[in-house]
Amino acid sequence: KMNPAGLVPVMKDGTLVLFESNAIVRHLARRYGRTTL
């Protein structure tokens, strides 16, 4: 249900679900890594 392709990684941040690694990296940087990533 989170990733119909059945591949890892999958990330869930609250109600947001992402399943592409580069998209996950970008999201983490935008939301949590302003000064670090």
All heavy atoms as atom14 arrays in JSON, in Angstrom:
{
  "sequence": "KMNPAGLVPVMKDGTLVLFESNAIVRHLARRYGRTTL",
  "atom14_mask": [
    [1, 1, 1, 1, 1, 1, 1, 1, 1, 0, 0, 0, 0, 0],
    [1, 1, 1, 1, 1, 1, 1, 1, 0, 0, 0, 0, 0, 0],
    [1, 1, 1, 1, 1, 1, 1, 1, 0, 0, 0, 0, 0, 0],
    [1, 1, 1, 1, 1, 1, 1, 0, 0, 0, 0, 0, 0, 0],
    [1, 1, 1, 1, 1, 0, 0, 0, 0, 0, 0, 0, 0, 0],
    [1, 1, 1, 1, 0, 0, 0, 0, 0, 0, 0, 0, 0, 0],
    [1, 1, 1, 1, 1, 1, 1, 1, 0, 0, 0, 0, 0, 0],
    [1, 1, 1, 1, 1, 1, 1, 0, 0, 0, 0, 0, 0, 0],
    [1, 1, 1, 1, 1, 1, 1, 0, 0, 0, 0, 0, 0, 0],
    [1, 1, 1, 1, 1, 1, 1, 0, 0, 0, 0, 0, 0, 0],
    [1, 1, 1, 1, 1, 1, 1, 1, 0, 0, 0, 0, 0, 0],
    [1, 1, 1, 1, 1, 1, 1, 1, 1, 0, 0, 0, 0, 0],
    [1, 1, 1, 1, 1, 1, 1, 1, 0, 0, 0, 0, 0, 0],
    [1, 1, 1, 1, 0, 0, 0, 0, 0, 0, 0, 0, 0, 0],
    [1, 1, 1, 1, 1, 1, 1, 0, 0, 0, 0, 0, 0, 0],
    [1, 1, 1, 1, 1, 1, 1, 1, 0, 0, 0, 0, 0, 0],
    [1, 1, 1, 1, 1, 1, 1, 0, 0, 0, 0, 0, 0, 0],
    [1, 1, 1, 1, 1, 1, 1, 1, 0, 0, 0, 0, 0, 0],
    [1, 1, 1, 1, 1, 1, 1, 1, 1, 1, 1, 0, 0, 0],
    [1, 1, 1, 1, 1, 1, 1, 1, 1, 0, 0, 0, 0, 0],
    [1, 1, 1, 1, 1, 1, 0, 0, 0, 0, 0, 0, 0, 0],
    [1, 1, 1, 1, 1, 1, 1, 1, 0, 0, 0, 0, 0, 0],
    [1, 1, 1, 1, 1, 0, 0, 0, 0, 0, 0, 0, 0, 0],
    [1, 1, 1, 1, 1, 1, 1, 1, 0, 0, 0, 0, 0, 0],
    [1, 1, 1, 1, 1, 1, 1, 0, 0, 0, 0, 0, 0, 0],
    [1, 1, 1, 1, 1, 1, 1, 1, 1, 1, 1, 0, 0, 0],
    [1, 1, 1, 1, 1, 1, 1, 1, 1, 1, 0, 0, 0, 0],
    [1, 1, 1, 1, 1, 1, 1, 1, 0, 0, 0, 0, 0, 0],
    [1, 1, 1, 1, 1, 0, 0, 0, 0, 0, 0, 0, 0, 0],
    [1, 1, 1, 1, 1, 1, 1, 1, 1, 1, 1, 0, 0, 0],
    [1, 1, 1, 1, 1, 1, 1, 1, 1, 1, 1, 0, 0, 0],
    [1, 1, 1, 1, 1, 1, 1, 1, 1, 1, 1, 1, 0, 0],
    [1, 1, 1, 1, 0, 0, 0, 0, 0, 0, 0, 0, 0, 0],
    [1, 1, 1, 1, 1, 1, 1, 1, 1, 1, 1, 0, 0, 0],
    [1, 1, 1, 1, 1, 1, 1, 0, 0, 0, 0, 0, 0, 0],
    [1, 1, 1, 1, 1, 1, 1, 0, 0, 0, 0, 0, 0, 0],
    [1, 1, 1, 1, 1, 1, 1, 1, 0, 0, 0, 0, 0, 0]
  ],
  "atom14_positions": [
    [[0.84, -1.2, 0.0], [0.0, 0.0, 0.0], [0.87, 1.25, 0.0], [0.53, 2.27, -0.62], [-0.92, 0.01, 1.22], [-1.92, 1.16, 1.22], [-2.87, 1.05, 2.4], [-3.87, 2.2, 2.38], [-4.81, 2.12, 3.55], [0.0, 0.0, 0.0], [0.0, 0.0, 0.0], [0.0, 0.0, 0.0], [0.0, 0.0, 0.0], [0.0, 0.0, 0.0]],
    [[2.03, 1.18, 0.69], [2.95, 2.31, 0.7], [3.75, 2.39, -0.59], [4.0, 3.48, -1.12], [3.9, 2.21, 1.91], [3.21, 2.33, 3.26], [4.38, 2.42, 4.63], [5.15, 0.78, 4.55], [0.0, 0.0, 0.0], [0.0, 0.0, 0.0], [0.0, 0.0, 0.0], [0.0, 0.0, 0.0], [0.0, 0.0, 0.0], [0.0, 0.0, 0.0]],
    [[4.19, 1.24, -1.1], [4.95, 1.2, -2.36], [4.47, 0.0, -3.17], [4.9, -1.13, -2.92], [6.44, 1.1, -2.11], [7.24, 1.14, -3.41], [6.66, 1.3, -4.49], [8.55, 1.0, -3.32], [0.0, 0.0, 0.0], [0.0, 0.0, 0.0], [0.0, 0.0, 0.0], [0.0, 0.0, 0.0], [0.0, 0.0, 0.0], [0.0, 0.0, 0.0]],
    [[3.61, 0.22, -4.14], [3.09, -0.88, -4.95], [4.17, -1.68, -5.65], [3.95, -2.85, -6.01], [2.18, -0.17, -5.95], [1.8, 1.11, -5.29], [3.01, 1.51, -4.49], [0.0, 0.0, 0.0], [0.0, 0.0, 0.0], [0.0, 0.0, 0.0], [0.0, 0.0, 0.0], [0.0, 0.0, 0.0], [0.0, 0.0, 0.0], [0.0, 0.0, 0.0]],
    [[5.33, -1.08, -5.88], [6.42, -1.8, -6.54], [7.11, -2.79, -5.62], [7.88, -3.63, -6.07], [7.45, -0.8, -7.09], [0.0, 0.0, 0.0], [0.0, 0.0, 0.0], [0.0, 0.0, 0.0], [0.0, 0.0, 0.0], [0.0, 0.0, 0.0], [0.0, 0.0, 0.0], [0.0, 0.0, 0.0], [0.0, 0.0, 0.0], [0.0, 0.0, 0.0]],
    [[6.89, -2.68, -4.32], [7.47, -3.61, -3.37], [8.96, -3.45, -3.16], [9.65, -4.43, -2.86], [0.0, 0.0, 0.0], [0.0, 0.0, 0.0], [0.0, 0.0, 0.0], [0.0, 0.0, 0.0], [0.0, 0.0, 0.0], [0.0, 0.0, 0.0], [0.0, 0.0, 0.0], [0.0, 0.0, 0.0], [0.0, 0.0, 0.0], [0.0, 0.0, 0.0]],
    [[9.47, -2.23, -3.33], [10.9, -1.98, -3.18], [11.19, -1.09, -1.98], [10.33, -0.34, -1.53], [11.44, -1.29, -4.46], [11.29, -2.08, -5.77], [11.73, -1.23, -6.94], [12.07, -3.38, -5.71], [0.0, 0.0, 0.0], [0.0, 0.0, 0.0], [0.0, 0.0, 0.0], [0.0, 0.0, 0.0], [0.0, 0.0, 0.0], [0.0, 0.0, 0.0]],
    [[12.42, -1.2, -1.46], [12.88, -0.33, -0.39], [13.85, 0.69, -0.97], [14.47, 0.44, -2.01], [13.55, -1.16, 0.73], [12.54, -2.02, 1.43], [14.72, -2.0, 0.2], [0.0, 0.0, 0.0], [0.0, 0.0, 0.0], [0.0, 0.0, 0.0], [0.0, 0.0, 0.0], [0.0, 0.0, 0.0], [0.0, 0.0, 0.0], [0.0, 0.0, 0.0]],
    [[13.97, 1.86, -0.31], [13.36, 2.25, 0.95], [11.96, 2.84, 0.76], [11.6, 3.28, -0.33], [14.3, 3.33, 1.47], [14.76, 4.03, 0.21], [14.92, 2.91, -0.8], [0.0, 0.0, 0.0], [0.0, 0.0, 0.0], [0.0, 0.0, 0.0], [0.0, 0.0, 0.0], [0.0, 0.0, 0.0], [0.0, 0.0, 0.0], [0.0, 0.0, 0.0]],
    [[11.24, 2.84, 1.86], [10.01, 3.61, 1.99], [10.15, 4.46, 3.24], [10.69, 4.0, 4.25], [8.77, 2.69, 2.11], [7.55, 3.48, 2.54], [8.5, 1.98, 0.8], [0.0, 0.0, 0.0], [0.0, 0.0, 0.0], [0.0, 0.0, 0.0], [0.0, 0.0, 0.0], [0.0, 0.0, 0.0], [0.0, 0.0, 0.0], [0.0, 0.0, 0.0]],
    [[9.71, 5.69, 3.15], [9.73, 6.59, 4.31], [8.33, 7.1, 4.58], [7.6, 7.44, 3.64], [10.66, 7.79, 4.06], [10.8, 8.71, 5.27], [11.09, 10.44, 4.8], [9.5, 10.89, 4.12], [0.0, 0.0, 0.0], [0.0, 0.0, 0.0], [0.0, 0.0, 0.0], [0.0, 0.0, 0.0], [0.0, 0.0, 0.0], [0.0, 0.0, 0.0]],
    [[7.98, 7.16, 5.84], [6.72, 7.76, 6.26], [7.04, 8.87, 7.24], [7.74, 8.66, 8.23], [5.81, 6.72, 6.92], [4.42, 7.24, 7.25], [3.52, 6.12, 7.77], [2.13, 6.65, 8.04], [1.25, 5.59, 8.61], [0.0, 0.0, 0.0], [0.0, 0.0, 0.0], [0.0, 0.0, 0.0], [0.0, 0.0, 0.0], [0.0, 0.0, 0.0]],
    [[6.55, 10.05, 6.95], [6.75, 11.21, 7.82], [5.37, 11.78, 8.1], [4.82, 12.55, 7.31], [7.63, 12.26, 7.13], [7.96, 13.44, 8.04], [7.55, 13.41, 9.22], [8.62, 14.37, 7.58], [0.0, 0.0, 0.0], [0.0, 0.0, 0.0], [0.0, 0.0, 0.0], [0.0, 0.0, 0.0], [0.0, 0.0, 0.0], [0.0, 0.0, 0.0]],
    [[4.79, 11.37, 9.23], [3.4, 11.74, 9.51], [2.49, 11.04, 8.51], [2.47, 9.82, 8.41], [0.0, 0.0, 0.0], [0.0, 0.0, 0.0], [0.0, 0.0, 0.0], [0.0, 0.0, 0.0], [0.0, 0.0, 0.0], [0.0, 0.0, 0.0], [0.0, 0.0, 0.0], [0.0, 0.0, 0.0], [0.0, 0.0, 0.0], [0.0, 0.0, 0.0]],
    [[1.77, 11.83, 7.71], [0.87, 11.24, 6.7], [1.53, 11.14, 5.33], [0.93, 10.59, 4.4], [-0.4, 12.09, 6.58], [-0.05, 13.42, 6.18], [-1.16, 12.14, 7.91], [0.0, 0.0, 0.0], [0.0, 0.0, 0.0], [0.0, 0.0, 0.0], [0.0, 0.0, 0.0], [0.0, 0.0, 0.0], [0.0, 0.0, 0.0], [0.0, 0.0, 0.0]],
    [[2.74, 11.67, 5.19], [3.44, 11.63, 3.9], [4.2, 10.32, 3.75], [4.97, 9.94, 4.62], [4.42, 12.8, 3.81], [5.33, 12.82, 2.57], [4.51, 13.04, 1.29], [6.41, 13.88, 2.71], [0.0, 0.0, 0.0], [0.0, 0.0, 0.0], [0.0, 0.0, 0.0], [0.0, 0.0, 0.0], [0.0, 0.0, 0.0], [0.0, 0.0, 0.0]],
    [[4.01, 9.66, 2.61], [4.72, 8.43, 2.3], [5.49, 8.64, 1.0], [4.92, 9.06, -0.01], [3.76, 7.24, 2.16], [4.53, 5.99, 1.73], [3.01, 6.98, 3.46], [0.0, 0.0, 0.0], [0.0, 0.0, 0.0], [0.0, 0.0, 0.0], [0.0, 0.0, 0.0], [0.0, 0.0, 0.0], [0.0, 0.0, 0.0], [0.0, 0.0, 0.0]],
    [[6.79, 8.33, 1.02], [7.64, 8.43, -0.15], [8.38, 7.12, -0.37], [8.76, 6.46, 0.61], [8.67, 9.56, 0.02], [8.13, 10.99, 0.11], [9.27, 11.95, 0.41], [7.42, 11.4, -1.16], [0.0, 0.0, 0.0], [0.0, 0.0, 0.0], [0.0, 0.0, 0.0], [0.0, 0.0, 0.0], [0.0, 0.0, 0.0], [0.0, 0.0, 0.0]],
    [[8.61, 6.76, -1.65], [9.31, 5.5, -1.91], [10.41, 5.6, -2.94], [10.86, 4.59, -3.46], [8.33, 4.39, -2.3], [7.43, 4.69, -3.47], [7.9, 4.68, -4.77], [6.08, 4.96, -3.27], [7.07, 4.94, -5.84], [5.23, 5.21, -4.33], [5.73, 5.2, -5.62], [0.0, 0.0, 0.0], [0.0, 0.0, 0.0], [0.0, 0.0, 0.0]],
    [[10.92, 6.76, -3.26], [12.11, 6.9, -4.1], [13.23, 7.48, -3.24], [13.05, 8.51, -2.58], [11.84, 7.81, -5.3], [11.08, 7.14, -6.43], [11.91, 6.07, -7.12], [13.15, 6.2, -7.16], [11.31, 5.11, -7.64], [0.0, 0.0, 0.0], [0.0, 0.0, 0.0], [0.0, 0.0, 0.0], [0.0, 0.0, 0.0], [0.0, 0.0, 0.0]],
    [[14.41, 6.84, -3.25], [15.47, 7.23, -2.32], [15.88, 8.69, -2.47], [16.07, 9.4, -1.48], [16.68, 6.31, -2.47], [17.2, 6.36, -3.8], [0.0, 0.0, 0.0], [0.0, 0.0, 0.0], [0.0, 0.0, 0.0], [0.0, 0.0, 0.0], [0.0, 0.0, 0.0], [0.0, 0.0, 0.0], [0.0, 0.0, 0.0], [0.0, 0.0, 0.0]],
    [[16.04, 9.17, -3.7], [16.46, 10.56, -3.88], [15.37, 11.53, -3.42], [15.67, 12.6, -2.88], [16.83, 10.82, -5.35], [18.19, 10.28, -5.7], [18.88, 9.69, -4.87], [18.61, 10.46, -6.93], [0.0, 0.0, 0.0], [0.0, 0.0, 0.0], [0.0, 0.0, 0.0], [0.0, 0.0, 0.0], [0.0, 0.0, 0.0], [0.0, 0.0, 0.0]],
    [[14.11, 11.17, -3.64], [13.02, 12.01, -3.16], [13.02, 12.06, -1.63], [12.76, 13.11, -1.02], [11.68, 11.49, -3.67], [0.0, 0.0, 0.0], [0.0, 0.0, 0.0], [0.0, 0.0, 0.0], [0.0, 0.0, 0.0], [0.0, 0.0, 0.0], [0.0, 0.0, 0.0], [0.0, 0.0, 0.0], [0.0, 0.0, 0.0], [0.0, 0.0, 0.0]],
    [[13.32, 10.93, -1.0], [13.38, 10.88, 0.46], [14.5, 11.78, 0.96], [14.32, 12.54, 1.92], [13.58, 9.42, 0.93], [12.32, 8.6, 0.63], [13.92, 9.38, 2.42], [12.5, 7.11, 0.84], [0.0, 0.0, 0.0], [0.0, 0.0, 0.0], [0.0, 0.0, 0.0], [0.0, 0.0, 0.0], [0.0, 0.0, 0.0], [0.0, 0.0, 0.0]],
    [[15.67, 11.69, 0.33], [16.81, 12.53, 0.73], [16.44, 14.01, 0.62], [16.7, 14.81, 1.54], [18.04, 12.21, -0.12], [19.16, 13.23, 0.14], [18.54, 10.8, 0.18], [0.0, 0.0, 0.0], [0.0, 0.0, 0.0], [0.0, 0.0, 0.0], [0.0, 0.0, 0.0], [0.0, 0.0, 0.0], [0.0, 0.0, 0.0], [0.0, 0.0, 0.0]],
    [[15.81, 14.4, -0.48], [15.44, 15.8, -0.67], [14.42, 16.25, 0.37], [14.51, 17.37, 0.9], [14.89, 16.01, -2.08], [15.94, 15.87, -3.17], [15.31, 16.14, -4.54], [16.3, 16.1, -5.59], [16.37, 15.16, -6.53], [15.49, 14.17, -6.55], [17.31, 15.19, -7.46], [0.0, 0.0, 0.0], [0.0, 0.0, 0.0], [0.0, 0.0, 0.0]],
    [[13.45, 15.41, 0.66], [12.44, 15.77, 1.66], [13.07, 15.96, 3.03], [12.78, 16.95, 3.73], [11.36, 14.7, 1.75], [10.45, 14.88, 2.93], [9.46, 15.84, 2.97], [10.41, 14.25, 4.14], [8.84, 15.8, 4.14], [9.4, 14.84, 4.86], [0.0, 0.0, 0.0], [0.0, 0.0, 0.0], [0.0, 0.0, 0.0], [0.0, 0.0, 0.0]],
    [[13.93, 15.04, 3.42], [14.58, 15.16, 4.72], [15.4, 16.43, 4.82], [15.42, 17.11, 5.85], [15.46, 13.93, 4.97], [14.72, 12.61, 5.18], [15.7, 11.44, 5.14], [13.94, 12.61, 6.49], [0.0, 0.0, 0.0], [0.0, 0.0, 0.0], [0.0, 0.0, 0.0], [0.0, 0.0, 0.0], [0.0, 0.0, 0.0], [0.0, 0.0, 0.0]],
    [[16.06, 16.78, 3.72], [16.87, 17.99, 3.71], [16.0, 19.24, 3.83], [16.32, 20.17, 4.59], [17.69, 18.06, 2.44], [0.0, 0.0, 0.0], [0.0, 0.0, 0.0], [0.0, 0.0, 0.0], [0.0, 0.0, 0.0], [0.0, 0.0, 0.0], [0.0, 0.0, 0.0], [0.0, 0.0, 0.0], [0.0, 0.0, 0.0], [0.0, 0.0, 0.0]],
    [[14.9, 19.27, 3.09], [14.04, 20.45, 3.12], [13.36, 20.63, 4.47], [13.24, 21.75, 4.97], [12.98, 20.35, 2.02], [13.51, 20.6, 0.63], [12.36, 20.78, -0.37], [11.6, 19.55, -0.57], [11.82, 18.71, -1.58], [12.77, 18.97, -2.47], [11.08, 17.62, -1.7], [0.0, 0.0, 0.0], [0.0, 0.0, 0.0], [0.0, 0.0, 0.0]],
    [[12.92, 19.52, 5.06], [12.15, 19.65, 6.31], [13.01, 19.7, 7.55], [12.72, 20.45, 8.48], [11.14, 18.5, 6.44], [10.29, 18.63, 7.68], [9.05, 17.81, 7.67], [8.22, 18.15, 8.83], [7.11, 17.51, 9.16], [6.67, 16.49, 8.42], [6.42, 17.88, 10.22], [0.0, 0.0, 0.0], [0.0, 0.0, 0.0], [0.0, 0.0, 0.0]],
    [[14.1, 18.91, 7.57], [14.87, 18.78, 8.8], [16.34, 19.2, 8.68], [17.01, 19.32, 9.71], [14.83, 17.32, 9.29], [13.44, 16.8, 9.53], [12.86, 15.88, 8.65], [12.69, 17.22, 10.63], [11.57, 15.39, 8.87], [11.41, 16.74, 10.86], [10.85, 15.83, 9.97], [9.58, 15.34, 10.18], [0.0, 0.0, 0.0], [0.0, 0.0, 0.0]],
    [[16.82, 19.37, 7.47], [18.26, 19.59, 7.3], [18.64, 20.95, 6.75], [19.58, 21.05, 5.97], [0.0, 0.0, 0.0], [0.0, 0.0, 0.0], [0.0, 0.0, 0.0], [0.0, 0.0, 0.0], [0.0, 0.0, 0.0], [0.0, 0.0, 0.0], [0.0, 0.0, 0.0], [0.0, 0.0, 0.0], [0.0, 0.0, 0.0], [0.0, 0.0, 0.0]],
    [[17.94, 21.98, 7.17], [18.2, 23.31, 6.61], [19.65, 23.74, 6.78], [20.23, 24.33, 5.87], [17.27, 24.33, 7.28], [17.44, 25.74, 6.74], [16.43, 26.69, 7.35], [16.58, 28.04, 6.81], [15.84, 29.07, 7.17], [14.87, 28.91, 8.07], [16.05, 30.25, 6.63], [0.0, 0.0, 0.0], [0.0, 0.0, 0.0], [0.0, 0.0, 0.0]],
    [[20.23, 23.45, 7.91], [21.62, 23.88, 8.16], [22.63, 22.75, 8.02], [23.83, 22.99, 8.12], [21.75, 24.49, 9.57], [21.41, 23.48, 10.55], [20.82, 25.69, 9.75], [0.0, 0.0, 0.0], [0.0, 0.0, 0.0], [0.0, 0.0, 0.0], [0.0, 0.0, 0.0], [0.0, 0.0, 0.0], [0.0, 0.0, 0.0], [0.0, 0.0, 0.0]],
    [[22.15, 21.54, 7.79], [23.06, 20.39, 7.78], [23.11, 19.65, 6.45], [24.12, 19.03, 6.12], [22.65, 19.37, 8.85], [21.27, 18.98, 8.62], [22.79, 19.95, 10.25], [0.0, 0.0, 0.0], [0.0, 0.0, 0.0], [0.0, 0.0, 0.0], [0.0, 0.0, 0.0], [0.0, 0.0, 0.0], [0.0, 0.0, 0.0], [0.0, 0.0, 0.0]],
    [[22.04, 19.69, 5.68], [21.94, 18.86, 4.49], [21.41, 19.6, 3.27], [21.83, 19.31, 2.15], [21.04, 17.65, 4.8], [20.9, 16.56, 3.73], [22.25, 15.92, 3.41], [19.91, 15.48, 4.2], [0.0, 0.0, 0.0], [0.0, 0.0, 0.0], [0.0, 0.0, 0.0], [0.0, 0.0, 0.0], [0.0, 0.0, 0.0], [0.0, 0.0, 0.0]]
  ]
}
